[in-house]
Amino acid sequence: MFQKDLLNHLKASFGNSVRLPSSIGFIPEPKGTLNIHINNPDCNMQSDRNAFEGWALASRVAGFEHVRLSWATESIKEPKHYNRFLYRAFMFSKYFKWFSSDVLNVDHIVGVGIEKYINHGTVSASVKDDPRSESAYEDCLYRSQVFRVEHNIDEGRIARQLPVGVYTENPPTEKSALFTGNASAIDLIGLDRDGVLKLFELKVAGNKKVGALSELFFYSCILNDIRSGFIKPSSDALIRDSLLSWQDVINSKKIENYIISSGELHPIVRGVCASSVLENFPVTCIEGYKCE
């Protein structure tokens, strides 16, 4: 009965196409609290099975006073994905006071005295032949003068596939990896003429996932931790395929967050972006954006 009532509340806020994921538990608790239970905390962040941020924000918009996160710990098979999950839960609770989680053992990730380094990509990002692919869309925006002008970004001050692997040693080694590193990367970042670092999470038509909010939140937190010095660059070299350096990231005035799709976004993502629930973490959502 509760699942049906919850779904009706969400549909009232976000439209009739909303469906609850079967892989996430939604459990009512006293005093207007919703418990979101993640059964697979060590799966890829891009999977909606792990996308607690979007469902927590949606539940808040739908009227819950408090959201509590819990998760299964019996069979963790992917520790790097799990570490990333713990980091996201810890950071989400810092941004949103109405959100809490089970006891977090994150000292090995955010503990004082543990050096952390971001990996430095040296190989140019590949582009798939399919013009409808996300990598092709990303590459088109990366090269688009129209896109740069719209966002006040000079040529060369934009980078794609920025690596977000975090390590406890420099140079980074597989053994010292806290998070997944090889294929984990930010779609686009650009530094505008006012010193604002713009973070772009990109989606193509048909890719409508609540997890877009999870990806954007994680990447933004990583960049902010680099800006604060909590995570250090592993190299002083220019970021690949750009004139940007990590020092430019560190010196940026602030971060602006964007989710851009060539088609439609998930109704949860669209509705959350349009609500006031993101006042501590503003996000601009743009749908139907065609690259020129």
Protein backbone atom coordinates (compact mmCIF):
# COMPACT_ATOMS: atom_id res chain seq x y z
CA MET A 1 0.00 0.00 0.00
CA PHE A 2 2.80 2.46 0.88
CA GLN A 3 4.56 1.89 -2.45
CA LYS A 4 1.36 2.81 -4.27
CA ASP A 5 0.83 5.93 -2.16
CA LEU A 6 4.46 6.98 -2.67
CA LEU A 7 4.18 6.47 -6.41
CA ASN A 8 1.02 8.59 -6.50
CA HIS A 9 2.81 11.40 -4.62
CA LEU A 10 5.72 11.23 -7.06
CA LYS A 11 3.39 11.21 -10.06
CA ALA A 12 1.62 14.28 -8.70
CA SER A 13 4.97 16.08 -8.56
CA PHE A 14 6.72 14.72 -11.65
CA GLY A 15 4.10 13.28 -14.00
CA ASN A 16 2.40 9.98 -14.67
CA SER A 17 5.39 8.39 -16.43
CA VAL A 18 7.34 8.00 -13.15
CA ARG A 19 8.00 4.43 -12.04
CA LEU A 20 9.62 3.21 -8.83
CA PRO A 21 12.75 1.09 -9.37
CA SER A 22 12.28 -2.47 -8.14
CA SER A 23 15.92 -2.65 -7.02
CA ILE A 24 15.57 0.15 -4.41
CA GLY A 25 13.55 -0.16 -1.22
CA PHE A 26 11.27 2.65 -0.06
CA ILE A 27 10.24 2.20 3.57
CA PRO A 28 8.09 4.60 5.67
CA GLU A 29 9.42 5.65 9.07
CA PRO A 30 7.99 7.88 11.83
CA LYS A 31 7.85 11.68 11.72
CA GLY A 32 7.56 12.06 7.96
CA THR A 33 10.77 10.16 7.23
CA LEU A 34 11.36 7.99 4.18
CA ASN A 35 14.02 5.29 4.29
CA ILE A 36 15.66 4.63 0.93
CA HIS A 37 17.41 1.26 0.97
CA ILE A 38 20.06 0.46 -1.64
CA ASN A 39 20.52 -3.25 -2.25
CA ASN A 40 23.58 -2.88 -4.49
CA PRO A 41 25.77 -0.09 -3.08
CA ASP A 42 28.80 -1.43 -4.96
CA CYS A 43 27.28 -1.28 -8.44
CA ASN A 44 28.21 1.40 -10.95
CA MET A 45 27.09 4.92 -10.03
CA GLN A 46 25.60 5.29 -13.51
CA SER A 47 23.09 2.54 -12.76
CA ASP A 48 19.70 3.64 -11.44
CA ARG A 49 20.04 0.83 -8.85
CA ASN A 50 22.53 3.08 -7.07
CA ALA A 51 21.03 6.51 -7.77
CA PHE A 52 19.91 7.47 -4.27
CA GLU A 53 20.50 11.19 -4.82
CA GLY A 54 17.76 11.59 -7.41
CA TRP A 55 15.20 9.59 -5.44
CA ALA A 56 16.06 11.41 -2.21
CA LEU A 57 15.59 14.79 -3.90
CA ALA A 58 12.36 13.62 -5.54
CA SER A 59 11.02 12.38 -2.20
CA ARG A 60 11.79 15.73 -0.62
CA VAL A 61 9.93 17.53 -3.43
CA ALA A 62 7.01 15.11 -2.91
CA GLY A 63 6.68 16.23 0.71
CA PHE A 64 8.82 14.06 2.98
CA GLU A 65 10.39 15.97 5.87
CA HIS A 66 13.42 13.74 6.11
CA VAL A 67 15.12 11.07 4.01
CA ARG A 68 17.35 8.39 5.51
CA LEU A 69 19.66 6.21 3.43
CA SER A 70 20.46 2.60 4.29
CA TRP A 71 22.15 -0.13 2.30
CA ALA A 72 23.08 -3.80 2.23
CA THR A 73 26.65 -4.66 3.26
CA GLU A 74 26.59 -8.45 3.14
CA SER A 75 28.25 -9.04 -0.22
CA ILE A 76 30.43 -6.13 -1.32
CA LYS A 77 32.27 -7.34 -4.42
CA GLU A 78 33.39 -4.02 -5.91
CA PRO A 79 35.18 -2.04 -3.16
CA LYS A 80 36.08 0.92 -5.41
CA HIS A 81 32.47 1.43 -6.45
CA TYR A 82 31.47 1.00 -2.80
CA ASN A 83 34.00 3.62 -1.67
CA ARG A 84 32.54 6.00 -4.21
CA PHE A 85 29.05 5.27 -2.86
CA LEU A 86 30.21 6.04 0.71
CA TYR A 87 31.82 9.29 -0.44
CA ARG A 88 28.61 10.34 -2.21
CA ALA A 89 26.48 9.56 0.85
CA PHE A 90 28.86 11.51 3.10
CA MET A 91 28.92 14.53 0.80
CA PHE A 92 25.15 14.47 0.20
CA SER A 93 24.54 14.67 3.95
CA LYS A 94 26.81 17.74 4.09
CA TYR A 95 24.83 19.58 1.40
CA PHE A 96 21.32 18.60 2.50
CA LYS A 97 20.45 18.76 6.21
CA TRP A 98 17.17 16.86 5.71
CA PHE A 99 19.18 13.83 4.57
CA SER A 100 20.97 11.31 6.79
CA SER A 101 22.41 7.85 6.38
CA ASP A 102 23.45 4.75 8.25
CA VAL A 103 26.72 4.98 10.15
CA LEU A 104 29.39 5.85 7.61
CA ASN A 105 32.87 4.40 7.92
CA VAL A 106 34.62 6.86 5.61
CA ASP A 107 37.84 7.63 7.49
CA HIS A 108 39.83 5.82 4.78
CA ILE A 109 38.30 8.20 2.21
CA VAL A 110 37.87 11.58 3.92
CA GLY A 111 40.06 11.15 7.00
CA VAL A 112 42.54 13.89 7.90
CA GLY A 113 46.14 13.02 7.11
CA ILE A 114 45.40 10.73 4.16
CA GLU A 115 46.89 12.17 0.98
CA LYS A 116 44.63 11.92 -2.08
CA TYR A 117 45.50 12.52 -5.72
CA ILE A 118 43.41 12.84 -8.86
CA ASN A 119 44.73 10.87 -11.83
CA HIS A 120 45.94 12.78 -14.87
CA GLY A 121 44.77 11.63 -18.30
CA THR A 122 47.33 11.73 -21.09
CA VAL A 123 45.53 9.89 -23.89
CA SER A 124 43.03 11.72 -26.08
CA ALA A 125 39.44 10.67 -25.56
CA SER A 126 38.04 8.43 -28.29
CA VAL A 127 34.95 9.17 -30.35
CA LYS A 128 32.56 6.45 -31.49
CA ASP A 129 31.63 6.33 -35.17
CA ASP A 130 27.91 6.44 -34.36
CA PRO A 131 26.91 10.15 -34.61
CA ARG A 132 24.09 9.45 -32.13
CA SER A 133 26.48 8.23 -29.43
CA GLU A 134 27.20 10.18 -26.28
CA SER A 135 30.90 10.42 -27.12
CA ALA A 136 30.07 11.95 -30.52
CA TYR A 137 27.69 14.46 -28.89
CA GLU A 138 30.33 15.28 -26.31
CA ASP A 139 33.01 15.76 -28.98
CA CYS A 140 30.71 17.99 -31.02
CA LEU A 141 30.03 20.29 -28.05
CA TYR A 142 33.73 20.26 -27.16
CA ARG A 143 34.55 21.60 -30.65
CA SER A 144 31.50 23.86 -31.03
CA GLN A 145 32.21 27.59 -31.18
CA VAL A 146 28.49 28.26 -30.68
CA PHE A 147 28.53 26.28 -27.42
CA ARG A 148 31.65 28.08 -26.18
CA VAL A 149 30.19 31.50 -26.98
CA GLU A 150 26.94 30.66 -25.19
CA HIS A 151 28.90 29.79 -22.06
CA ASN A 152 31.49 32.58 -22.37
CA ILE A 153 34.37 30.12 -22.77
CA ASP A 154 37.47 30.97 -24.83
CA GLU A 155 38.88 28.44 -27.30
CA GLY A 156 41.15 25.97 -25.53
CA ARG A 157 39.57 26.60 -22.12
CA ILE A 158 37.34 23.56 -22.40
CA ALA A 159 38.25 19.91 -21.74
CA ARG A 160 36.49 16.58 -22.22
CA GLN A 161 36.75 13.25 -20.40
CA LEU A 162 38.41 14.75 -17.33
CA PRO A 163 39.59 11.81 -15.17
CA VAL A 164 38.15 11.43 -11.67
CA GLY A 165 40.04 8.44 -10.32
CA VAL A 166 41.28 9.17 -6.78
CA TYR A 167 44.40 7.53 -5.34
CA THR A 168 46.38 7.55 -2.10
CA GLU A 169 49.77 7.50 -3.85
CA ASN A 170 51.52 9.67 -6.42
CA PRO A 171 52.17 8.52 -9.05
CA PRO A 172 48.83 6.71 -8.89
CA THR A 173 48.85 2.93 -8.87
CA GLU A 174 46.06 0.39 -9.17
CA LYS A 175 46.77 -0.74 -5.63
CA SER A 176 46.33 2.79 -4.25
CA ALA A 177 43.00 3.47 -6.02
CA LEU A 178 40.13 4.58 -3.76
CA PHE A 179 37.60 4.87 -6.58
CA THR A 180 37.27 3.42 -10.06
CA GLY A 181 39.58 5.33 -12.36
CA ASN A 182 40.14 4.08 -15.89
CA ALA A 183 36.74 4.82 -17.45
CA SER A 184 35.53 7.34 -14.86
CA ALA A 185 35.57 10.83 -16.32
CA ILE A 186 33.67 14.11 -16.47
CA ASP A 187 32.07 14.72 -19.87
CA LEU A 188 33.00 18.39 -20.23
CA ILE A 189 34.36 21.23 -18.14
CA GLY A 190 35.04 24.78 -19.22
CA LEU A 191 36.48 27.84 -17.52
CA ASP A 192 34.61 30.99 -18.53
CA ARG A 193 36.07 34.49 -18.80
CA ASP A 194 34.80 35.38 -15.33
CA GLY A 195 36.72 32.52 -13.71
CA VAL A 196 33.68 30.28 -13.24
CA LEU A 197 34.27 26.56 -13.75
CA LYS A 198 31.36 25.04 -15.67
CA LEU A 199 30.66 21.33 -15.28
CA PHE A 200 28.58 19.65 -18.00
CA GLU A 201 26.96 16.22 -17.62
CA LEU A 202 25.75 15.18 -21.08
CA LYS A 203 23.02 12.80 -22.22
CA VAL A 204 21.79 11.86 -25.67
CA ALA A 205 18.19 11.31 -26.71
CA GLY A 206 16.86 8.10 -25.20
CA ASN A 207 19.26 8.10 -22.25
CA LYS A 208 16.82 9.16 -19.54
CA LYS A 209 18.24 8.10 -16.19
CA VAL A 210 17.74 9.42 -12.66
CA GLY A 211 21.44 8.62 -12.22
CA ALA A 212 22.38 11.77 -14.14
CA LEU A 213 21.96 13.64 -10.84
CA SER A 214 24.24 11.15 -9.06
CA GLU A 215 26.97 11.55 -11.67
CA LEU A 216 26.79 15.34 -11.65
CA PHE A 217 26.82 15.50 -7.85
CA PHE A 218 29.83 13.19 -7.55
CA TYR A 219 31.84 15.04 -10.20
CA SER A 220 31.04 18.43 -8.68
CA CYS A 221 32.12 17.24 -5.23
CA ILE A 222 35.40 15.92 -6.65
CA LEU A 223 36.10 19.26 -8.36
CA ASN A 224 35.29 21.17 -5.17
CA ASP A 225 37.64 18.92 -3.20
CA ILE A 226 40.35 19.69 -5.75
CA ARG A 227 39.65 23.41 -5.44
CA SER A 228 39.93 23.21 -1.65
CA GLY A 229 43.17 21.21 -1.76
CA PHE A 230 41.61 18.14 -0.17
CA ILE A 231 42.44 16.22 -3.36
CA LYS A 232 45.67 17.12 -5.14
CA PRO A 233 46.56 16.88 -8.83
CA SER A 234 49.03 14.11 -9.62
CA SER A 235 50.63 16.26 -12.33
CA ASP A 236 51.17 19.93 -13.18
CA ALA A 237 50.76 19.26 -16.90
CA LEU A 238 47.92 20.66 -18.98
CA ILE A 239 44.70 18.67 -18.94
CA ARG A 240 44.60 16.58 -22.11
CA ASP A 241 43.31 18.17 -25.33
CA SER A 242 43.00 21.62 -23.75
CA LEU A 243 44.87 24.68 -22.50
CA LEU A 244 43.46 24.14 -19.00
CA SER A 245 45.61 23.13 -16.07
CA TRP A 246 44.63 21.73 -12.69
CA GLN A 247 45.78 25.07 -11.27
CA ASP A 248 43.00 26.73 -13.30
CA VAL A 249 40.53 24.39 -11.59
CA ILE A 250 42.00 25.22 -8.18
CA ASN A 251 41.88 28.98 -8.85
CA SER A 252 38.32 29.02 -10.22
CA LYS A 253 35.85 31.25 -8.36
CA LYS A 254 33.01 28.72 -8.16
CA ILE A 255 31.42 25.79 -9.97
CA GLU A 256 28.25 25.93 -12.06
CA ASN A 257 26.52 22.60 -12.68
CA TYR A 258 24.70 21.66 -15.90
CA ILE A 259 22.87 18.61 -17.23
CA ILE A 260 22.40 18.88 -21.00
CA SER A 261 20.52 16.41 -23.19
CA SER A 262 20.01 16.26 -26.93
CA GLY A 263 16.59 14.80 -26.12
CA GLU A 264 14.46 14.61 -22.99
CA LEU A 265 15.65 14.13 -19.43
CA HIS A 266 14.06 11.76 -16.94
CA PRO A 267 11.00 13.51 -15.43
CA ILE A 268 12.56 13.22 -11.96
CA VAL A 269 15.69 15.04 -13.16
CA ARG A 270 13.64 17.69 -14.95
CA GLY A 271 11.36 18.26 -11.96
CA VAL A 272 14.14 18.36 -9.39
CA CYS A 273 16.03 20.94 -11.46
CA ALA A 274 12.93 23.13 -11.62
CA SER A 275 12.25 22.90 -7.86
CA SER A 276 13.74 24.76 -4.90
CA VAL A 277 15.14 21.58 -3.33
CA LEU A 278 18.54 22.20 -4.96
CA GLU A 279 19.09 25.59 -3.33
CA ASN A 280 22.39 24.39 -1.80
CA PHE A 281 23.47 22.71 -5.03
CA PRO A 282 22.05 24.63 -8.02
CA VAL A 283 21.76 22.71 -11.29
CA THR A 284 20.73 24.02 -14.71
CA CYS A 285 18.96 21.42 -16.86
CA ILE A 286 18.75 21.90 -20.64
CA GLU A 287 16.74 19.57 -22.89
CA GLY A 288 16.67 19.23 -26.66
CA TYR A 289 20.04 20.93 -27.14
CA LYS A 290 21.36 20.33 -30.64
CA CYS A 291 25.06 20.72 -31.28
CA GLU A 292 26.06 23.22 -33.96
